C-alpha atoms as a PDB file:
ATOM      1  CA  MET A   1     105.559  75.523  97.503  1.00  0.00           C
ATOM      2  CA  ARG A   2     107.682  76.692  94.283  1.00  0.00           C
ATOM      3  CA  ILE A   3     106.186  80.229  93.108  1.00  0.00           C
ATOM      4  CA  LEU A   4     107.222  81.866  90.104  1.00  0.00           C
ATOM      5  CA  VAL A   5     106.841  85.575  90.706  1.00  0.00           C
ATOM      6  CA  THR A   6     106.668  88.072  88.070  1.00  0.00           C
ATOM      7  CA  GLY A   7     108.687  91.452  88.693  1.00  0.00           C
ATOM      8  CA  GLY A   8     111.131  89.625  91.145  1.00  0.00           C
ATOM      9  CA  SER A   9     112.771  93.255  91.433  1.00  0.00           C
ATOM     10  CA  GLY A  10     110.521  95.073  91.776  1.00  0.00           C
ATOM     11  CA  LEU A  11     109.786  96.627  95.216  1.00  0.00           C
ATOM     12  CA  LEU A  12     106.684  93.900  96.052  1.00  0.00           C
ATOM     13  CA  GLY A  13     108.493  91.207  93.899  1.00  0.00           C
ATOM     14  CA  SER A  14     111.651  91.787  95.868  1.00  0.00           C
ATOM     15  CA  ARG A  15     109.694  91.741  99.098  1.00  0.00           C
ATOM     16  CA  LEU A  16     107.336  88.807  98.090  1.00  0.00           C
ATOM     17  CA  THR A  17     110.428  86.445  96.883  1.00  0.00           C
ATOM     18  CA  GLU A  18     112.565  88.028  99.857  1.00  0.00           C
ATOM     19  CA  ILE A  19     109.218  86.513 102.741  1.00  0.00           C
ATOM     20  CA  ALA A  20     108.535  83.556 100.646  1.00  0.00           C
ATOM     21  CA  LEU A  21     112.011  82.112 100.914  1.00  0.00           C
ATOM     22  CA  GLN A  22     112.684  82.522 104.845  1.00  0.00           C
ATOM     23  CA  GLU A  23     109.341  80.922 104.589  1.00  0.00           C
ATOM     24  CA  GLY A  24     111.182  77.665 103.191  1.00  0.00           C
ATOM     25  CA  HIS A  25     109.209  78.346  99.595  1.00  0.00           C
ATOM     26  CA  GLU A  26     111.217  77.550  96.311  1.00  0.00           C
ATOM     27  CA  VAL A  27     110.597  80.715  94.501  1.00  0.00           C
ATOM     28  CA  PHE A  28     112.294  81.862  90.569  1.00  0.00           C
ATOM     29  CA  SER A  29     112.024  85.671  90.453  1.00  0.00           C
ATOM     30  CA  GLY A  30     110.940  86.484  87.176  1.00  0.00           C
ATOM     31  CA  TYR A  31     112.217  89.744  85.185  1.00  0.00           C
ATOM     32  CA  ASN A  32     113.140  91.054  81.551  1.00  0.00           C
ATOM     33  CA  ARG A  33     115.420  94.048  82.513  1.00  0.00           C
ATOM     34  CA  ASN A  34     117.170  94.558  86.580  1.00  0.00           C
ATOM     35  CA  LEU A  35     118.196  91.232  87.729  1.00  0.00           C
ATOM     36  CA  PRO A  36     116.802  90.065  90.875  1.00  0.00           C
ATOM     37  CA  GLU A  37     118.696  89.854  94.251  1.00  0.00           C
ATOM     38  CA  LYS A  38     117.633  86.594  95.329  1.00  0.00           C
ATOM     39  CA  GLY A  39     115.411  83.779  94.011  1.00  0.00           C
ATOM     40  CA  HIS A  40     116.309  82.060  90.268  1.00  0.00           C
ATOM     41  CA  PRO A  41     115.944  84.387  88.648  1.00  0.00           C
ATOM     42  CA  VAL A  42     114.004  83.778  85.194  1.00  0.00           C
ATOM     43  CA  GLN A  43     114.479  86.282  82.036  1.00  0.00           C
ATOM     44  CA  PHE A  44     111.431  87.487  80.158  1.00  0.00           C
ATOM     45  CA  ASP A  45     109.092  89.407  78.444  1.00  0.00           C
ATOM     46  CA  LEU A  46     105.306  90.193  79.474  1.00  0.00           C
ATOM     47  CA  ALA A  47     105.144  91.753  75.502  1.00  0.00           C
ATOM     48  CA  ALA A  48     106.749  88.512  74.107  1.00  0.00           C
ATOM     49  CA  ASP A  49     104.355  85.121  74.241  1.00  0.00           C
ATOM     50  CA  ASN A  50     107.182  82.631  74.281  1.00  0.00           C
ATOM     51  CA  GLY A  51     108.772  84.011  76.776  1.00  0.00           C
ATOM     52  CA  ILE A  52     105.982  83.843  78.849  1.00  0.00           C
ATOM     53  CA  LEU A  53     105.728  79.999  78.035  1.00  0.00           C
ATOM     54  CA  LYS A  54     109.641  79.403  78.963  1.00  0.00           C
ATOM     55  CA  ALA A  55     109.531  80.651  81.636  1.00  0.00           C
ATOM     56  CA  ILE A  56     106.279  78.809  83.163  1.00  0.00           C
ATOM     57  CA  ASP A  57     108.219  75.631  81.363  1.00  0.00           C
ATOM     58  CA  ARG A  58     111.325  76.446  83.605  1.00  0.00           C
ATOM     59  CA  SER A  59     110.111  77.583  86.944  1.00  0.00           C
ATOM     60  CA  ARG A  60     107.046  74.917  87.162  1.00  0.00           C
ATOM     61  CA  PRO A  61     105.346  76.686  89.408  1.00  0.00           C
ATOM     62  CA  GLU A  62     102.945  75.587  91.335  1.00  0.00           C
ATOM     63  CA  VAL A  63     101.376  79.104  93.105  1.00  0.00           C
ATOM     64  CA  VAL A  64     102.599  82.622  89.844  1.00  0.00           C
ATOM     65  CA  PHE A  65     101.893  86.206  91.581  1.00  0.00           C
ATOM     66  CA  HIS A  66     101.300  88.536  89.194  1.00  0.00           C
ATOM     67  CA  THR A  67     103.332  91.204  90.113  1.00  0.00           C
ATOM     68  CA  ALA A  68     105.118  92.543  86.885  1.00  0.00           C
ATOM     69  CA  ALA A  69     103.080  95.687  85.383  1.00  0.00           C
ATOM     70  CA  LEU A  70     103.070  98.932  83.361  1.00  0.00           C
ATOM     71  CA  THR A  71     102.409 100.331  85.806  1.00  0.00           C
ATOM     72  CA  ASP A  72     103.810 104.155  85.189  1.00  0.00           C
ATOM     73  CA  VAL A  73     100.447 105.764  84.754  1.00  0.00           C
ATOM     74  CA  ASP A  74     100.763 108.925  82.335  1.00  0.00           C
ATOM     75  CA  ARG A  75     102.934 106.564  80.275  1.00  0.00           C
ATOM     76  CA  CYS A  76      99.887 104.615  80.216  1.00  0.00           C
ATOM     77  CA  GLU A  77      97.901 106.822  78.318  1.00  0.00           C
ATOM     78  CA  VAL A  78     100.016 107.887  76.047  1.00  0.00           C
ATOM     79  CA  ASP A  79     101.410 104.401  74.734  1.00  0.00           C
ATOM     80  CA  ARG A  80      98.125 102.837  75.271  1.00  0.00           C
ATOM     81  CA  ASP A  81      99.084 100.123  73.167  1.00  0.00           C
ATOM     82  CA  LEU A  82     101.697  99.005  74.589  1.00  0.00           C
ATOM     83  CA  ALA A  83      99.779  98.686  77.860  1.00  0.00           C
ATOM     84  CA  TYR A  84      97.448  96.686  76.806  1.00  0.00           C
ATOM     85  CA  GLN A  85     100.819  94.873  76.102  1.00  0.00           C
ATOM     86  CA  ILE A  86     102.285  94.560  78.816  1.00  0.00           C
ATOM     87  CA  ASN A  87      99.426  94.249  81.470  1.00  0.00           C
ATOM     88  CA  VAL A  88      96.544  92.602  79.238  1.00  0.00           C
ATOM     89  CA  ARG A  89      97.193  91.146  76.037  1.00  0.00           C
ATOM     90  CA  GLY A  90     100.422  89.687  78.469  1.00  0.00           C
ATOM     91  CA  THR A  91      98.684  88.739  82.269  1.00  0.00           C
ATOM     92  CA  ARG A  92      96.205  86.852  79.823  1.00  0.00           C
ATOM     93  CA  ILE A  93      99.150  84.656  78.867  1.00  0.00           C
ATOM     94  CA  LEU A  94     100.471  83.961  82.176  1.00  0.00           C
ATOM     95  CA  ALA A  95      97.412  82.889  83.238  1.00  0.00           C
ATOM     96  CA  GLU A  96      96.483  80.816  80.454  1.00  0.00           C
ATOM     97  CA  ALA A  97     100.042  79.035  80.893  1.00  0.00           C
ATOM     98  CA  ALA A  98      99.807  79.068  83.909  1.00  0.00           C
ATOM     99  CA  ARG A  99      96.657  77.076  84.398  1.00  0.00           C
ATOM    100  CA  GLN A 100      97.449  74.493  81.965  1.00  0.00           C
ATOM    101  CA  ALA A 101     100.543  74.085  84.239  1.00  0.00           C
ATOM    102  CA  GLY A 102      98.370  73.019  87.125  1.00  0.00           C
ATOM    103  CA  ALA A 103      99.330  76.443  88.673  1.00  0.00           C
ATOM    104  CA  TYR A 104      96.712  79.080  90.847  1.00  0.00           C
ATOM    105  CA  THR A 105      97.555  82.746  90.347  1.00  0.00           C
ATOM    106  CA  VAL A 106      97.615  85.845  92.366  1.00  0.00           C
ATOM    107  CA  TYR A 107      96.704  89.144  90.434  1.00  0.00           C
ATOM    108  CA  ILE A 108      97.934  92.531  91.856  1.00  0.00           C
ATOM    109  CA  SER A 109      95.929  94.955  90.729  1.00  0.00           C
ATOM    110  CA  THR A 110      95.220  98.985  91.778  1.00  0.00           C
ATOM    111  CA  ASP A 111      93.123 100.921  93.735  1.00  0.00           C
ATOM    112  CA  TYR A 112      93.078 102.532  90.340  1.00  0.00           C
ATOM    113  CA  VAL A 113      90.254 100.484  88.459  1.00  0.00           C
ATOM    114  CA  PHE A 114      87.438 102.765  90.743  1.00  0.00           C
ATOM    115  CA  ASP A 115      86.785 106.452  89.668  1.00  0.00           C
ATOM    116  CA  GLY A 116      87.933 107.977  93.027  1.00  0.00           C
ATOM    117  CA  SER A 117      84.474 109.558  93.906  1.00  0.00           C
ATOM    118  CA  ARG A 118      83.661 107.696  96.965  1.00  0.00           C
ATOM    119  CA  GLY A 119      86.517 106.630  98.253  1.00  0.00           C
ATOM    120  CA  MET A 120      86.609 103.312 101.018  1.00  0.00           C
ATOM    121  CA  TYR A 121      85.816 100.340  97.783  1.00  0.00           C
ATOM    122  CA  ARG A 122      84.281  97.829  98.985  1.00  0.00           C
ATOM    123  CA  GLU A 123      85.398  94.474  96.411  1.00  0.00           C
ATOM    124  CA  ASP A 124      81.717  94.239  95.249  1.00  0.00           C
ATOM    125  CA  CYS A 125      82.027  98.190  94.252  1.00  0.00           C
ATOM    126  CA  ALA A 126      81.734  99.178  90.518  1.00  0.00           C
ATOM    127  CA  ALA A 127      85.043  99.537  88.668  1.00  0.00           C
ATOM    128  CA  ASP A 128      85.013 102.558  86.986  1.00  0.00           C
ATOM    129  CA  PRO A 129      88.516 104.017  86.217  1.00  0.00           C
ATOM    130  CA  VAL A 130      89.684 107.400  84.820  1.00  0.00           C
ATOM    131  CA  ASN A 131      92.748 106.887  82.953  1.00  0.00           C
ATOM    132  CA  HIS A 132      93.649 103.970  80.945  1.00  0.00           C
ATOM    133  CA  TYR A 133      96.071 102.474  83.544  1.00  0.00           C
ATOM    134  CA  GLY A 134      93.492 101.129  86.066  1.00  0.00           C
ATOM    135  CA  PHE A 135      91.301 100.062  83.406  1.00  0.00           C
ATOM    136  CA  THR A 136      93.842  97.676  81.484  1.00  0.00           C
ATOM    137  CA  LYS A 137      94.710  96.598  85.489  1.00  0.00           C
ATOM    138  CA  LEU A 138      90.886  96.066  85.307  1.00  0.00           C
ATOM    139  CA  LEU A 139      91.073  93.696  81.942  1.00  0.00           C
ATOM    140  CA  GLY A 140      92.743  91.105  83.554  1.00  0.00           C
ATOM    141  CA  GLU A 141      91.719  90.866  86.641  1.00  0.00           C
ATOM    142  CA  LYS A 142      89.570  88.533  85.101  1.00  0.00           C
ATOM    143  CA  TYR A 143      92.509  86.080  84.260  1.00  0.00           C
ATOM    144  CA  ALA A 144      92.996  85.147  87.852  1.00  0.00           C
ATOM    145  CA  ASP A 145      92.415  82.941  90.316  1.00  0.00           C
ATOM    146  CA  CYS A 146      92.662  85.519  92.883  1.00  0.00           C
ATOM    147  CA  VAL A 147      92.195  88.889  92.658  1.00  0.00           C
ATOM    148  CA  ALA A 148      94.611  91.668  95.031  1.00  0.00           C
ATOM    149  CA  ARG A 149      94.220  95.043  95.128  1.00  0.00           C
ATOM    150  CA  SER A 150      96.869  97.532  96.665  1.00  0.00           C
ATOM    151  CA  CYS A 151      97.104 101.040  96.598  1.00  0.00           C
ATOM    152  CA  VAL A 152     100.720 103.299  96.934  1.00  0.00           C
ATOM    153  CA  ILE A 153     102.943 100.351  97.989  1.00  0.00           C
ATOM    154  CA  TYR A 154     105.940 101.802  99.789  1.00  0.00           C
ATOM    155  CA  GLY A 155     108.837  99.536 100.857  1.00  0.00           C
ATOM    156  CA  SER A 156     112.122 100.000 103.143  1.00  0.00           C
ATOM    157  CA  ARG A 157     114.299  99.493 100.330  1.00  0.00           C
ATOM    158  CA  PRO A 158     114.817 100.611  96.432  1.00  0.00           C
ATOM    159  CA  ALA A 159     113.505  98.664  93.803  1.00  0.00           C
ATOM    160  CA  SER A 160     114.577  98.362  90.318  1.00  0.00           C
ATOM    161  CA  GLY A 161     117.055 100.908  90.665  1.00  0.00           C
ATOM    162  CA  LYS A 162     114.221 103.412  91.968  1.00  0.00           C
ATOM    163  CA  ILE A 163     113.046 104.789  95.371  1.00  0.00           C
ATOM    164  CA  ASN A 164     109.473 104.651  95.936  1.00  0.00           C
ATOM    165  CA  PHE A 165     107.224 107.643  97.488  1.00  0.00           C
ATOM    166  CA  VAL A 166     108.222 107.246 100.524  1.00  0.00           C
ATOM    167  CA  LEU A 167     112.313 106.875 100.090  1.00  0.00           C
ATOM    168  CA  TRP A 168     111.682 110.384  98.024  1.00  0.00           C
ATOM    169  CA  ILE A 169     110.087 111.727 100.678  1.00  0.00           C
ATOM    170  CA  LEU A 170     112.531 110.817 103.106  1.00  0.00           C
ATOM    171  CA  ASP A 171     115.280 111.561 101.420  1.00  0.00           C
ATOM    172  CA  LYS A 172     114.267 115.008 100.286  1.00  0.00           C
ATOM    173  CA  LEU A 173     113.183 115.896 104.380  1.00  0.00           C
ATOM    174  CA  SER A 174     117.125 114.776 105.616  1.00  0.00           C
ATOM    175  CA  LYS A 175     118.039 117.312 103.265  1.00  0.00           C
ATOM    176  CA  GLU A 176     115.602 120.070 104.820  1.00  0.00           C
ATOM    177  CA  GLU A 177     114.094 119.987 100.772  1.00  0.00           C
ATOM    178  CA  ASN A 178     110.881 121.846 100.152  1.00  0.00           C
ATOM    179  CA  ILE A 179     108.676 119.089  98.346  1.00  0.00           C
ATOM    180  CA  LYS A 180     104.841 119.909  96.874  1.00  0.00           C
ATOM    181  CA  ILE A 181     102.660 117.168  98.816  1.00  0.00           C
ATOM    182  CA  ILE A 182      98.748 116.458  97.386  1.00  0.00           C
ATOM    183  CA  GLN A 183      96.554 117.219  99.380  1.00  0.00           C
ATOM    184  CA  ASP A 184      93.007 116.789  97.176  1.00  0.00           C
ATOM    185  CA  GLN A 185      93.989 112.697  96.583  1.00  0.00           C
ATOM    186  CA  HIS A 186      93.408 109.939  99.725  1.00  0.00           C
ATOM    187  CA  ILE A 187      94.749 106.659  99.362  1.00  0.00           C
ATOM    188  CA  SER A 188      95.232 103.354 101.772  1.00  0.00           C
ATOM    189  CA  PRO A 189      99.215 103.499 101.977  1.00  0.00           C
ATOM    190  CA  THR A 190     100.534  99.815 101.441  1.00  0.00           C
ATOM    191  CA  LEU A 191     103.830  98.082 103.179  1.00  0.00           C
ATOM    192  CA  ASN A 192     105.312  96.016 101.063  1.00  0.00           C
ATOM    193  CA  THR A 193     105.569  94.288 103.698  1.00  0.00           C
ATOM    194  CA  ASN A 194     102.284  92.930 104.592  1.00  0.00           C
ATOM    195  CA  LEU A 195     100.916  93.039 101.617  1.00  0.00           C
ATOM    196  CA  ALA A 196     103.560  89.570 100.919  1.00  0.00           C
ATOM    197  CA  LYS A 197     102.608  88.607 103.764  1.00  0.00           C
ATOM    198  CA  MET A 198      98.770  88.860 103.343  1.00  0.00           C
ATOM    199  CA  LEU A 199      99.048  87.460  99.325  1.00  0.00           C
ATOM    200  CA  LEU A 200     101.330  84.312 100.588  1.00  0.00           C
ATOM    201  CA  GLU A 201      98.619  83.607 102.884  1.00  0.00           C
ATOM    202  CA  ALA A 202      96.365  84.026  99.874  1.00  0.00           C
ATOM    203  CA  ALA A 203      98.060  81.572  98.574  1.00  0.00           C
ATOM    204  CA  GLU A 204      98.690  79.085 100.757  1.00  0.00           C
ATOM    205  CA  ARG A 205      94.800  78.879 101.037  1.00  0.00           C
ATOM    206  CA  HIS A 206      93.583  79.249  97.462  1.00  0.00           C
ATOM    207  CA  LEU A 207      91.190  81.417  98.147  1.00  0.00           C
ATOM    208  CA  GLU A 208      89.546  83.335  94.692  1.00  0.00           C
ATOM    209  CA  GLY A 209      87.656  86.199  93.463  1.00  0.00           C
ATOM    210  CA  ILE A 210      88.519  89.947  94.721  1.00  0.00           C
ATOM    211  CA  TRP A 211      90.682  91.131  97.932  1.00  0.00           C
ATOM    212  CA  HIS A 212      91.237  93.793  99.100  1.00  0.00           C
ATOM    213  CA  LEU A 213      94.905  93.996 100.259  1.00  0.00           C
ATOM    214  CA  ALA A 214      96.226  97.638 101.724  1.00  0.00           C
ATOM    215  CA  GLY A 215      96.883  99.499 104.901  1.00  0.00           C
ATOM    216  CA  SER A 216      93.954  99.820 106.684  1.00  0.00           C
ATOM    217  CA  THR A 217      93.987 103.720 107.270  1.00  0.00           C
ATOM    218  CA  SER A 218      92.900 105.849 104.770  1.00  0.00           C
ATOM    219  CA  ILE A 219      94.775 109.014 104.190  1.00  0.00           C
ATOM    220  CA  SER A 220      95.775 111.958 102.275  1.00  0.00           C
ATOM    221  CA  ARG A 221      98.801 112.423 100.153  1.00  0.00           C
ATOM    222  CA  TYR A 222      99.733 114.781 102.801  1.00  0.00           C
ATOM    223  CA  ASN A 223      98.809 113.785 105.614  1.00  0.00           C
ATOM    224  CA  PHE A 224     100.451 110.665 105.201  1.00  0.00           C
ATOM    225  CA  ALA A 225     103.890 112.684 104.552  1.00  0.00           C
ATOM    226  CA  CYS A 226     103.394 114.861 107.936  1.00  0.00           C
ATOM    227  CA  GLN A 227     102.796 111.539 109.717  1.00  0.00           C
ATOM    228  CA  LEU A 228     105.812 110.077 108.067  1.00  0.00           C
ATOM    229  CA  ALA A 229     108.173 112.782 108.880  1.00  0.00           C
ATOM    230  CA  ASP A 230     106.373 112.861 113.352  1.00  0.00           C
ATOM    231  CA  GLU A 231     107.775 109.281 112.827  1.00  0.00           C
ATOM    232  CA  PHE A 232     111.275 109.344 111.683  1.00  0.00           C
ATOM    233  CA  GLY A 233     111.538 113.151 113.429  1.00  0.00           C
ATOM    234  CA  LEU A 234     112.351 115.358 110.371  1.00  0.00           C
ATOM    235  CA  ASN A 235     111.062 118.299 109.780  1.00  0.00           C
ATOM    236  CA  LYS A 236     107.111 118.490 108.056  1.00  0.00           C
ATOM    237  CA  ASP A 237     106.877 122.274 107.586  1.00  0.00           C
ATOM    238  CA  CYS A 238     109.025 121.516 104.138  1.00  0.00           C
ATOM    239  CA  LEU A 239     106.223 119.583 102.727  1.00  0.00           C
ATOM    240  CA  ILE A 240     104.745 122.184 100.522  1.00  0.00           C
ATOM    241  CA  PRO A 241     100.850 121.324 100.154  1.00  0.00           C
ATOM    242  CA  SER A 242      99.866 121.580  96.869  1.00  0.00           C
ATOM    243  CA  ARG A 243      96.828 120.385  94.501  1.00  0.00           C
ATOM    244  CA  MET A 244      96.343 117.745  91.870  1.00  0.00           C
ATOM    245  CA  ALA A 245      95.292 120.407  89.482  1.00  0.00           C
ATOM    246  CA  ASP A 246      98.626 122.292  89.654  1.00  0.00           C
ATOM    247  CA  MET A 247     100.267 118.780  88.756  1.00  0.00           C
ATOM    248  CA  ASN A 248     101.365 118.009  84.361  1.00  0.00           C
ATOM    249  CA  TRP A 249     100.254 115.352  84.479  1.00  0.00           C
ATOM    250  CA  ARG A 250      98.881 113.829  81.008  1.00  0.00           C
ATOM    251  CA  ALA A 251      96.964 110.961  82.828  1.00  0.00           C
ATOM    252  CA  ARG A 252      93.928 111.781  85.406  1.00  0.00           C
ATOM    253  CA  ARG A 253      94.516 110.320  88.879  1.00  0.00           C
ATOM    254  CA  PRO A 254      91.009 109.262  91.028  1.00  0.00           C
ATOM    255  CA  ASP A 255      90.767 111.823  94.248  1.00  0.00           C
ATOM    256  CA  ASP A 256      89.600 109.396  96.286  1.00  0.00           C
ATOM    257  CA  SER A 257      90.547 105.236  95.599  1.00  0.00           C
ATOM    258  CA  SER A 258      91.355 104.222  99.492  1.00  0.00           C
ATOM    259  CA  LEU A 259      90.087 100.346  99.869  1.00  0.00           C
ATOM    260  CA  ASP A 260      87.673  99.188 102.501  1.00  0.00           C
ATOM    261  CA  VAL A 261      89.685  96.059 103.578  1.00  0.00           C
ATOM    262  CA  SER A 262      87.240  95.005 106.543  1.00  0.00           C
ATOM    263  CA  LYS A 263      86.720  91.214 104.395  1.00  0.00           C
ATOM    264  CA  ALA A 264      90.137  90.752 104.518  1.00  0.00           C
ATOM    265  CA  GLU A 265      90.420  91.387 107.967  1.00  0.00           C
ATOM    266  CA  ARG A 266      88.103  89.748 108.876  1.00  0.00           C
ATOM    267  CA  ARG A 267      88.904  86.818 107.354  1.00  0.00           C
ATOM    268  CA  LEU A 268      92.735  86.777 107.010  1.00  0.00           C
ATOM    269  CA  LYS A 269      95.749  86.015 110.280  1.00  0.00           C
ATOM    270  CA  GLU A 270      97.517  87.986 108.482  1.00  0.00           C
ATOM    271  CA  LYS A 271      95.431  91.250 108.728  1.00  0.00           C
ATOM    272  CA  PRO A 272      96.001  95.036 107.629  1.00  0.00           C
ATOM    273  CA  TYR A 273      98.159  97.250 109.380  1.00  0.00           C
ATOM    274  CA  ASN A 274      96.947 100.304 110.140  1.00  0.00           C
ATOM    275  CA  LEU A 275      99.245 103.102 108.938  1.00  0.00           C
ATOM    276  CA  ALA A 276     100.864 103.387 112.438  1.00  0.00           C
ATOM    277  CA  LYS A 277     102.487 100.050 112.492  1.00  0.00           C
ATOM    278  CA  SER A 278     102.832  99.984 109.226  1.00  0.00           C
ATOM    279  CA  LEU A 279     105.190 103.797 109.889  1.00  0.00           C
ATOM    280  CA  LYS A 280     106.546 101.245 113.209  1.00  0.00           C
ATOM    281  CA  THR A 281     107.706  98.676 110.629  1.00  0.00           C
ATOM    282  CA  LEU A 282     109.211 100.992 108.525  1.00  0.00           C
ATOM    283  CA  LYS A 283     112.013 102.654 110.719  1.00  0.00           C
ATOM    284  CA  GLU A 284     112.504  98.899 111.485  1.00  0.00           C
ATOM    285  CA  GLU A 285     113.258  97.519 108.869  1.00  0.00           C
ATOM    286  CA  ILE A 286     115.324 100.968 107.401  1.00  0.00           C
ATOM    287  CA  LEU A 287     117.365 100.610 111.070  1.00  0.00           C
ATOM    288  CA  SER A 288     118.050  97.072 110.423  1.00  0.00           C
ATOM    289  CA  CYS A 289     118.778  97.428 106.483  1.00  0.00           C
ATOM    290  CA  CYS A 290     121.689 100.485 108.079  1.00  0.00           C
ATOM    291  CA  GLN A 291     123.131  98.134 110.242  1.00  0.00           C
ATOM    292  CA  GLU A 292     123.806  95.569 107.773  1.00  0.00           C
ATOM    293  CA  LEU A 293     125.629  98.008 106.068  1.00  0.00           C
END
């Protein structure tokens, strides 16, 4: 396949690009500021119409994976116009241009489209976001052929100059530093490798509609951090239980936005990983990265 990945230097986009190249696909890696390490680089800004159109014209994709977004939840709450411009309008223009070029579009959405009052949300559950980030991502869903909702994505390498939640925890614990971890928010942590493989399968099969593609384990952030510490043999006594009410956030977060992935478990060859398998794979990837250095 000839693929365009937006957010090609990001946590998901970079891993998706890497795996797609390994499978023999031609990949154009879209970016705004951070130059991707792999794929044919294509620079554009989701807030600039002409740049989006030029990116589609240059890459002439058969498939577009739209992983790019303004994901800073608090910034989306404060700068609502920018969040709408990037997450909704930019998505619409990209999807329309892709459709005119004959391309199939996969849109990466989020568990934050739900209010978090019940958890283990199915694809047919009513969406009711409690913050503007979730609202803009929900609006963007209607433009794609396939919507892939995921949750707390993590991976073995930094991306776009940032370390993800898991690497931050590992870094702090390796230094025996105490860190506060929320214990009253439940999530479905998702390894980027597993998600990338599920997305590629969805594209190869041209699946349509909404799919929950996330890890299969529902767990609190605190217990997730504890299992991470156990897997890597680090001291979990450094993990200090905290509550969302203690955080100085501008935007509200859902209490339990875990996703029911039974549809993907039934219908995909690449199944959602449970947490044990995800953490084992993560550890293998990190060790492999260290050996390459």
